[in-house]
Amino acid sequence: MGDMDTYFLEGATELMEEFLESTEDPYYDGSFTWGAGQPHCFSGFPEFPGQTSYERVLPLMLERILQTAPPGADVTTWRY
């Protein structure tokens, strides 16, 4: 999230982050990345130049799905 959002959404995002950090049962266990001076559509700092936000975020999403899938859930046929 850019802290200078083009649509002034940083305030609402700060409130959402505060709320999520206060959860306990279950704790949301997520993260926020704030870009100083960044506008709307800031998608984080790439660890590898040229890497898209999808290439950074999708592996994290996959890991989370695998960690939280119910026992016996199909976690193989949709992965390609």
PDB file of N, CA and C in Angstrom:
ATOM      1  N   MET A   1       0.853  -1.173   0.000  1.00  0.00           N
ATOM      2  CA  MET A   1       0.000   0.000   0.000  1.00  0.00           C
ATOM      3  C   MET A   1       0.888   1.221   0.000  1.00  0.00           C
ATOM      4  N   GLY A   2       0.632   2.125  -0.900  1.00  0.00           N
ATOM      5  CA  GLY A   2       1.355   3.383  -0.886  1.00  0.00           C
ATOM      6  C   GLY A   2       0.822   4.290   0.208  1.00  0.00           C
ATOM      7  N   ASP A   3       1.706   4.952   0.926  1.00  0.00           N
ATOM      8  CA  ASP A   3       1.236   5.831   1.993  1.00  0.00           C
ATOM      9  C   ASP A   3       0.789   7.196   1.473  1.00  0.00           C
ATOM     10  N   MET A   4       0.858   7.376   0.156  1.00  0.00           N
ATOM     11  CA  MET A   4       0.330   8.585  -0.488  1.00  0.00           C
ATOM     12  C   MET A   4      -0.598   8.153  -1.626  1.00  0.00           C
ATOM     13  N   ASP A   5      -1.616   7.376  -1.268  1.00  0.00           N
ATOM     14  CA  ASP A   5      -2.519   6.802  -2.257  1.00  0.00           C
ATOM     15  C   ASP A   5      -3.212   7.875  -3.068  1.00  0.00           C
ATOM     16  N   THR A   6      -3.314   7.650  -4.352  1.00  0.00           N
ATOM     17  CA  THR A   6      -3.927   8.579  -5.283  1.00  0.00           C
ATOM     18  C   THR A   6      -5.385   8.858  -4.921  1.00  0.00           C
ATOM     19  N   TYR A   7      -6.048   7.874  -4.317  1.00  0.00           N
ATOM     20  CA  TYR A   7      -7.461   8.012  -3.952  1.00  0.00           C
ATOM     21  C   TYR A   7      -7.643   8.167  -2.445  1.00  0.00           C
ATOM     22  N   PHE A   8      -6.557   8.475  -1.738  1.00  0.00           N
ATOM     23  CA  PHE A   8      -6.583   8.719  -0.289  1.00  0.00           C
ATOM     24  C   PHE A   8      -7.102   7.515   0.505  1.00  0.00           C
ATOM     25  N   LEU A   9      -6.726   6.324   0.090  1.00  0.00           N
ATOM     26  CA  LEU A   9      -7.172   5.100   0.751  1.00  0.00           C
ATOM     27  C   LEU A   9      -6.250   4.652   1.876  1.00  0.00           C
ATOM     28  N   GLU A  10      -5.130   5.344   2.082  1.00  0.00           N
ATOM     29  CA  GLU A  10      -4.185   4.896   3.102  1.00  0.00           C
ATOM     30  C   GLU A  10      -4.780   4.938   4.508  1.00  0.00           C
ATOM     31  N   GLY A  11      -5.644   5.917   4.789  1.00  0.00           N
ATOM     32  CA  GLY A  11      -6.267   5.992   6.113  1.00  0.00           C
ATOM     33  C   GLY A  11      -7.140   4.786   6.399  1.00  0.00           C
ATOM     34  N   ALA A  12      -7.960   4.409   5.433  1.00  0.00           N
ATOM     35  CA  ALA A  12      -8.818   3.235   5.594  1.00  0.00           C
ATOM     36  C   ALA A  12      -7.976   1.967   5.713  1.00  0.00           C
ATOM     37  N   THR A  13      -6.899   1.909   4.963  1.00  0.00           N
ATOM     38  CA  THR A  13      -6.034   0.727   5.031  1.00  0.00           C
ATOM     39  C   THR A  13      -5.341   0.644   6.381  1.00  0.00           C
ATOM     40  N   GLU A  14      -4.935   1.783   6.932  1.00  0.00           N
ATOM     41  CA  GLU A  14      -4.345   1.790   8.277  1.00  0.00           C
ATOM     42  C   GLU A  14      -5.337   1.259   9.304  1.00  0.00           C
ATOM     43  N   LEU A  15      -6.598   1.689   9.207  1.00  0.00           N
ATOM     44  CA  LEU A  15      -7.631   1.197  10.128  1.00  0.00           C
ATOM     45  C   LEU A  15      -7.839  -0.306   9.971  1.00  0.00           C
ATOM     46  N   MET A  16      -7.846  -0.782   8.734  1.00  0.00           N
ATOM     47  CA  MET A  16      -8.012  -2.212   8.503  1.00  0.00           C
ATOM     48  C   MET A  16      -6.838  -2.990   9.079  1.00  0.00           C
ATOM     49  N   GLU A  17      -5.623  -2.477   8.889  1.00  0.00           N
ATOM     50  CA  GLU A  17      -4.446  -3.151   9.436  1.00  0.00           C
ATOM     51  C   GLU A  17      -4.526  -3.210  10.957  1.00  0.00           C
ATOM     52  N   GLU A  18      -4.915  -2.108  11.591  1.00  0.00           N
ATOM     53  CA  GLU A  18      -5.051  -2.089  13.053  1.00  0.00           C
ATOM     54  C   GLU A  18      -6.087  -3.113  13.512  1.00  0.00           C
ATOM     55  N   PHE A  19      -7.231  -3.156  12.826  1.00  0.00           N
ATOM     56  CA  PHE A  19      -8.260  -4.123  13.198  1.00  0.00           C
ATOM     57  C   PHE A  19      -7.744  -5.550  13.056  1.00  0.00           C
ATOM     58  N   LEU A  20      -7.147  -5.865  11.921  1.00  0.00           N
ATOM     59  CA  LEU A  20      -6.680  -7.230  11.695  1.00  0.00           C
ATOM     60  C   LEU A  20      -5.605  -7.630  12.698  1.00  0.00           C
ATOM     61  N   GLU A  21      -4.720  -6.705  13.050  1.00  0.00           N
ATOM     62  CA  GLU A  21      -3.688  -7.003  14.047  1.00  0.00           C
ATOM     63  C   GLU A  21      -4.299  -7.273  15.416  1.00  0.00           C
ATOM     64  N   SER A  22      -5.512  -6.779  15.673  1.00  0.00           N
ATOM     65  CA  SER A  22      -6.144  -6.971  16.979  1.00  0.00           C
ATOM     66  C   SER A  22      -6.915  -8.279  17.081  1.00  0.00           C
ATOM     67  N   THR A  23      -7.075  -9.001  15.975  1.00  0.00           N
ATOM     68  CA  THR A  23      -7.852 -10.241  16.012  1.00  0.00           C
ATOM     69  C   THR A  23      -7.097 -11.308  16.794  1.00  0.00           C
ATOM     70  N   GLU A  24      -7.869 -12.223  17.411  1.00  0.00           N
ATOM     71  CA  GLU A  24      -7.252 -13.269  18.230  1.00  0.00           C
ATOM     72  C   GLU A  24      -7.704 -14.677  17.874  1.00  0.00           C
ATOM     73  N   ASP A  25      -8.990 -14.873  17.609  1.00  0.00           N
ATOM     74  CA  ASP A  25      -9.483 -16.233  17.413  1.00  0.00           C
ATOM     75  C   ASP A  25     -10.402 -16.303  16.210  1.00  0.00           C
ATOM     76  N   PRO A  26      -9.871 -16.433  15.035  1.00  0.00           N
ATOM     77  CA  PRO A  26      -8.454 -16.658  14.738  1.00  0.00           C
ATOM     78  C   PRO A  26      -7.728 -15.342  14.485  1.00  0.00           C
ATOM     79  N   TYR A  27      -6.430 -15.376  14.719  1.00  0.00           N
ATOM     80  CA  TYR A  27      -5.585 -14.251  14.356  1.00  0.00           C
ATOM     81  C   TYR A  27      -5.401 -14.304  12.845  1.00  0.00           C
ATOM     82  N   TYR A  28      -5.434 -13.164  12.191  1.00  0.00           N
ATOM     83  CA  TYR A  28      -5.413 -13.169  10.723  1.00  0.00           C
ATOM     84  C   TYR A  28      -4.070 -13.589  10.135  1.00  0.00           C
ATOM     85  N   ASP A  29      -2.964 -13.365  10.822  1.00  0.00           N
ATOM     86  CA  ASP A  29      -1.637 -13.848  10.425  1.00  0.00           C
ATOM     87  C   ASP A  29      -1.236 -13.405   9.017  1.00  0.00           C
ATOM     88  N   GLY A  30      -1.573 -12.176   8.668  1.00  0.00           N
ATOM     89  CA  GLY A  30      -1.209 -11.648   7.358  1.00  0.00           C
ATOM     90  C   GLY A  30      -0.142 -10.574   7.488  1.00  0.00           C
ATOM     91  N   SER A  31       0.025  -9.811   6.437  1.00  0.00           N
ATOM     92  CA  SER A  31       1.032  -8.755   6.489  1.00  0.00           C
ATOM     93  C   SER A  31       0.641  -7.626   5.546  1.00  0.00           C
ATOM     94  N   PHE A  32       1.170  -6.464   5.837  1.00  0.00           N
ATOM     95  CA  PHE A  32       1.005  -5.281   4.997  1.00  0.00           C
ATOM     96  C   PHE A  32       2.393  -4.786   4.623  1.00  0.00           C
ATOM     97  N   THR A  33       2.534  -4.308   3.410  1.00  0.00           N
ATOM     98  CA  THR A  33       3.771  -3.674   2.980  1.00  0.00           C
ATOM     99  C   THR A  33       3.431  -2.242   2.605  1.00  0.00           C
ATOM    100  N   TRP A  34       4.055  -1.295   3.300  1.00  0.00           N
ATOM    101  CA  TRP A  34       3.800   0.120   3.058  1.00  0.00           C
ATOM    102  C   TRP A  34       4.946   0.712   2.259  1.00  0.00           C
ATOM    103  N   GLY A  35       4.603   1.406   1.202  1.00  0.00           N
ATOM    104  CA  GLY A  35       5.604   2.071   0.377  1.00  0.00           C
ATOM    105  C   GLY A  35       5.623   3.560   0.676  1.00  0.00           C
ATOM    106  N   ALA A  36       6.725   4.049   1.226  1.00  0.00           N
ATOM    107  CA  ALA A  36       6.855   5.469   1.560  1.00  0.00           C
ATOM    108  C   ALA A  36       6.803   6.308   0.291  1.00  0.00           C
ATOM    109  N   GLY A  37       5.865   7.248   0.263  1.00  0.00           N
ATOM    110  CA  GLY A  37       5.731   8.141  -0.880  1.00  0.00           C
ATOM    111  C   GLY A  37       5.170   7.485  -2.123  1.00  0.00           C
ATOM    112  N   GLN A  38       4.631   6.269  -1.983  1.00  0.00           N
ATOM    113  CA  GLN A  38       4.130   5.533  -3.148  1.00  0.00           C
ATOM    114  C   GLN A  38       2.644   5.793  -3.367  1.00  0.00           C
ATOM    115  N   PRO A  39       2.191   5.748  -4.624  1.00  0.00           N
ATOM    116  CA  PRO A  39       0.795   6.024  -4.951  1.00  0.00           C
ATOM    117  C   PRO A  39      -0.066   4.757  -4.941  1.00  0.00           C
ATOM    118  N   HIS A  40      -1.290   4.931  -5.426  1.00  0.00           N
ATOM    119  CA  HIS A  40      -2.220   3.821  -5.618  1.00  0.00           C
ATOM    120  C   HIS A  40      -1.561   2.788  -6.540  1.00  0.00           C
ATOM    121  N   CYS A  41      -1.876   1.545  -6.351  1.00  0.00           N
ATOM    122  CA  CYS A  41      -1.349   0.422  -7.139  1.00  0.00           C
ATOM    123  C   CYS A  41       0.068   0.035  -6.762  1.00  0.00           C
ATOM    124  N   PHE A  42       0.637   0.611  -5.683  1.00  0.00           N
ATOM    125  CA  PHE A  42       1.935   0.143  -5.199  1.00  0.00           C
ATOM    126  C   PHE A  42       1.742  -1.305  -4.777  1.00  0.00           C
ATOM    127  N   SER A  43       2.578  -2.191  -5.258  1.00  0.00           N
ATOM    128  CA  SER A  43       2.394  -3.620  -4.971  1.00  0.00           C
ATOM    129  C   SER A  43       3.597  -4.232  -4.281  1.00  0.00           C
ATOM    130  N   GLY A  44       4.367  -3.442  -3.595  1.00  0.00           N
ATOM    131  CA  GLY A  44       5.501  -3.968  -2.852  1.00  0.00           C
ATOM    132  C   GLY A  44       6.794  -3.823  -3.618  1.00  0.00           C
ATOM    133  N   PHE A  45       7.859  -3.990  -2.884  1.00  0.00           N
ATOM    134  CA  PHE A  45       9.185  -3.871  -3.471  1.00  0.00           C
ATOM    135  C   PHE A  45       9.646  -5.239  -3.968  1.00  0.00           C
ATOM    136  N   PRO A  46       9.963  -5.368  -5.239  1.00  0.00           N
ATOM    137  CA  PRO A  46      10.385  -6.671  -5.754  1.00  0.00           C
ATOM    138  C   PRO A  46      11.763  -7.060  -5.225  1.00  0.00           C
ATOM    139  N   GLU A  47      11.870  -8.306  -4.791  1.00  0.00           N
ATOM    140  CA  GLU A  47      13.177  -8.817  -4.367  1.00  0.00           C
ATOM    141  C   GLU A  47      14.066  -9.049  -5.572  1.00  0.00           C
ATOM    142  N   PHE A  48      13.422  -9.315  -6.690  1.00  0.00           N
ATOM    143  CA  PHE A  48      14.151  -9.525  -7.931  1.00  0.00           C
ATOM    144  C   PHE A  48      13.628  -8.537  -8.954  1.00  0.00           C
ATOM    145  N   PRO A  49      14.455  -7.670  -9.480  1.00  0.00           N
ATOM    146  CA  PRO A  49      13.982  -6.679 -10.463  1.00  0.00           C
ATOM    147  C   PRO A  49      13.294  -7.358 -11.643  1.00  0.00           C
ATOM    148  N   GLY A  50      12.238  -6.751 -12.115  1.00  0.00           N
ATOM    149  CA  GLY A  50      11.504  -7.294 -13.246  1.00  0.00           C
ATOM    150  C   GLY A  50      10.423  -8.282 -12.864  1.00  0.00           C
ATOM    151  N   GLN A  51      10.368  -8.647 -11.599  1.00  0.00           N
ATOM    152  CA  GLN A  51       9.368  -9.604 -11.139  1.00  0.00           C
ATOM    153  C   GLN A  51       8.041  -8.871 -10.921  1.00  0.00           C
ATOM    154  N   THR A  52       6.951  -9.429 -11.431  1.00  0.00           N
ATOM    155  CA  THR A  52       5.650  -8.795 -11.261  1.00  0.00           C
ATOM    156  C   THR A  52       5.103  -9.059  -9.870  1.00  0.00           C
ATOM    157  N   SER A  53       4.088  -8.278  -9.494  1.00  0.00           N
ATOM    158  CA  SER A  53       3.461  -8.492  -8.187  1.00  0.00           C
ATOM    159  C   SER A  53       2.843  -9.884  -8.120  1.00  0.00           C
ATOM    160  N   TYR A  54       2.322 -10.379  -9.225  1.00  0.00           N
ATOM    161  CA  TYR A  54       1.748 -11.727  -9.237  1.00  0.00           C
ATOM    162  C   TYR A  54       2.815 -12.777  -8.964  1.00  0.00           C
ATOM    163  N   GLU A  55       3.977 -12.604  -9.535  1.00  0.00           N
ATOM    164  CA  GLU A  55       5.062 -13.563  -9.324  1.00  0.00           C
ATOM    165  C   GLU A  55       5.543 -13.549  -7.883  1.00  0.00           C
ATOM    166  N   ARG A  56       5.345 -12.445  -7.183  1.00  0.00           N
ATOM    167  CA  ARG A  56       5.727 -12.380  -5.770  1.00  0.00           C
ATOM    168  C   ARG A  56       4.627 -12.892  -4.848  1.00  0.00           C
ATOM    169  N   VAL A  57       3.370 -12.568  -5.171  1.00  0.00           N
ATOM    170  CA  VAL A  57       2.264 -12.847  -4.257  1.00  0.00           C
ATOM    171  C   VAL A  57       1.691 -14.258  -4.413  1.00  0.00           C
ATOM    172  N   LEU A  58       1.587 -14.768  -5.620  1.00  0.00           N
ATOM    173  CA  LEU A  58       0.960 -16.072  -5.821  1.00  0.00           C
ATOM    174  C   LEU A  58       1.647 -17.209  -5.066  1.00  0.00           C
ATOM    175  N   PRO A  59       2.984 -17.279  -5.005  1.00  0.00           N
ATOM    176  CA  PRO A  59       3.591 -18.337  -4.195  1.00  0.00           C
ATOM    177  C   PRO A  59       3.219 -18.229  -2.714  1.00  0.00           C
ATOM    178  N   LEU A  60       3.079 -17.019  -2.199  1.00  0.00           N
ATOM    179  CA  LEU A  60       2.659 -16.840  -0.805  1.00  0.00           C
ATOM    180  C   LEU A  60       1.226 -17.315  -0.609  1.00  0.00           C
ATOM    181  N   MET A  61       0.369 -17.036  -1.599  1.00  0.00           N
ATOM    182  CA  MET A  61      -1.015 -17.492  -1.522  1.00  0.00           C
ATOM    183  C   MET A  61      -1.087 -19.019  -1.546  1.00  0.00           C
ATOM    184  N   LEU A  62      -0.305 -19.636  -2.407  1.00  0.00           N
ATOM    185  CA  LEU A  62      -0.275 -21.093  -2.487  1.00  0.00           C
ATOM    186  C   LEU A  62       0.165 -21.696  -1.154  1.00  0.00           C
ATOM    187  N   GLU A  63       1.216 -21.153  -0.579  1.00  0.00           N
ATOM    188  CA  GLU A  63       1.716 -21.652   0.705  1.00  0.00           C
ATOM    189  C   GLU A  63       0.633 -21.574   1.774  1.00  0.00           C
ATOM    190  N   ARG A  64      -0.087 -20.461   1.815  1.00  0.00           N
ATOM    191  CA  ARG A  64      -1.153 -20.282   2.807  1.00  0.00           C
ATOM    192  C   ARG A  64      -2.290 -21.266   2.590  1.00  0.00           C
ATOM    193  N   ILE A  65      -2.673 -21.480   1.341  1.00  0.00           N
ATOM    194  CA  ILE A  65      -3.739 -22.442   1.040  1.00  0.00           C
ATOM    195  C   ILE A  65      -3.334 -23.828   1.502  1.00  0.00           C
ATOM    196  N   LEU A  66      -2.096 -24.217   1.217  1.00  0.00           N
ATOM    197  CA  LEU A  66      -1.633 -25.547   1.612  1.00  0.00           C
ATOM    198  C   LEU A  66      -1.572 -25.701   3.133  1.00  0.00           C
ATOM    199  N   GLN A  67      -1.201 -24.649   3.834  1.00  0.00           N
ATOM    200  CA  GLN A  67      -1.119 -24.696   5.301  1.00  0.00           C
ATOM    201  C   GLN A  67      -2.487 -24.784   5.960  1.00  0.00           C
ATOM    202  N   THR A  68      -3.502 -24.210   5.334  1.00  0.00           N
ATOM    203  CA  THR A  68      -4.803 -24.102   5.992  1.00  0.00           C
ATOM    204  C   THR A  68      -5.893 -24.973   5.373  1.00  0.00           C
ATOM    205  N   ALA A  69      -5.549 -25.756   4.370  1.00  0.00           N
ATOM    206  CA  ALA A  69      -6.556 -26.618   3.735  1.00  0.00           C
ATOM    207  C   ALA A  69      -7.057 -27.651   4.744  1.00  0.00           C
ATOM    208  N   PRO A  70      -8.346 -27.942   4.721  1.00  0.00           N
ATOM    209  CA  PRO A  70      -8.886 -28.965   5.606  1.00  0.00           C
ATOM    210  C   PRO A  70      -8.294 -30.334   5.283  1.00  0.00           C
ATOM    211  N   PRO A  71      -8.232 -31.225   6.257  1.00  0.00           N
ATOM    212  CA  PRO A  71      -7.730 -32.574   5.983  1.00  0.00           C
ATOM    213  C   PRO A  71      -8.523 -33.223   4.850  1.00  0.00           C
ATOM    214  N   GLY A  72      -7.818 -33.815   3.930  1.00  0.00           N
ATOM    215  CA  GLY A  72      -8.453 -34.498   2.810  1.00  0.00           C
ATOM    216  C   GLY A  72      -8.821 -33.599   1.640  1.00  0.00           C
ATOM    217  N   ALA A  73      -8.567 -32.300   1.764  1.00  0.00           N
ATOM    218  CA  ALA A  73      -8.903 -31.385   0.669  1.00  0.00           C
ATOM    219  C   ALA A  73      -8.021 -31.664  -0.541  1.00  0.00           C
ATOM    220  N   ASP A  74      -8.588 -31.477  -1.721  1.00  0.00           N
ATOM    221  CA  ASP A  74      -7.838 -31.657  -2.962  1.00  0.00           C
ATOM    222  C   ASP A  74      -6.933 -30.443  -3.167  1.00  0.00           C
ATOM    223  N   VAL A  75      -5.648 -30.635  -2.971  1.00  0.00           N
ATOM    224  CA  VAL A  75      -4.689 -29.545  -3.157  1.00  0.00           C
ATOM    225  C   VAL A  75      -3.696 -29.872  -4.283  1.00  0.00           C
ATOM    226  N   THR A  76      -4.087 -30.798  -5.150  1.00  0.00           N
ATOM    227  CA  THR A  76      -3.163 -31.200  -6.217  1.00  0.00           C
ATOM    228  C   THR A  76      -3.725 -30.982  -7.620  1.00  0.00           C
ATOM    229  N   THR A  77      -5.003 -31.283  -7.850  1.00  0.00           N
ATOM    230  CA  THR A  77      -5.504 -31.282  -9.237  1.00  0.00           C
ATOM    231  C   THR A  77      -5.579 -29.883  -9.837  1.00  0.00           C
ATOM    232  N   TRP A  78      -5.614 -28.848  -9.043  1.00  0.00           N
ATOM    233  CA  TRP A  78      -5.700 -27.485  -9.565  1.00  0.00           C
ATOM    234  C   TRP A  78      -4.339 -26.818  -9.696  1.00  0.00           C
ATOM    235  N   ARG A  79      -3.289 -27.538  -9.328  1.00  0.00           N
ATOM    236  CA  ARG A  79      -1.934 -26.962  -9.417  1.00  0.00           C
ATOM    237  C   ARG A  79      -1.262 -27.445 -10.699  1.00  0.00           C
ATOM    238  N   TYR A  80      -0.805 -26.510 -11.505  1.00  0.00           N
ATOM    239  CA  TYR A  80      -0.124 -26.853 -12.754  1.00  0.00           C
ATOM    240  C   TYR A  80       0.927 -25.825 -13.059  1.00  0.00           C
TER     241      TYR A  80
END
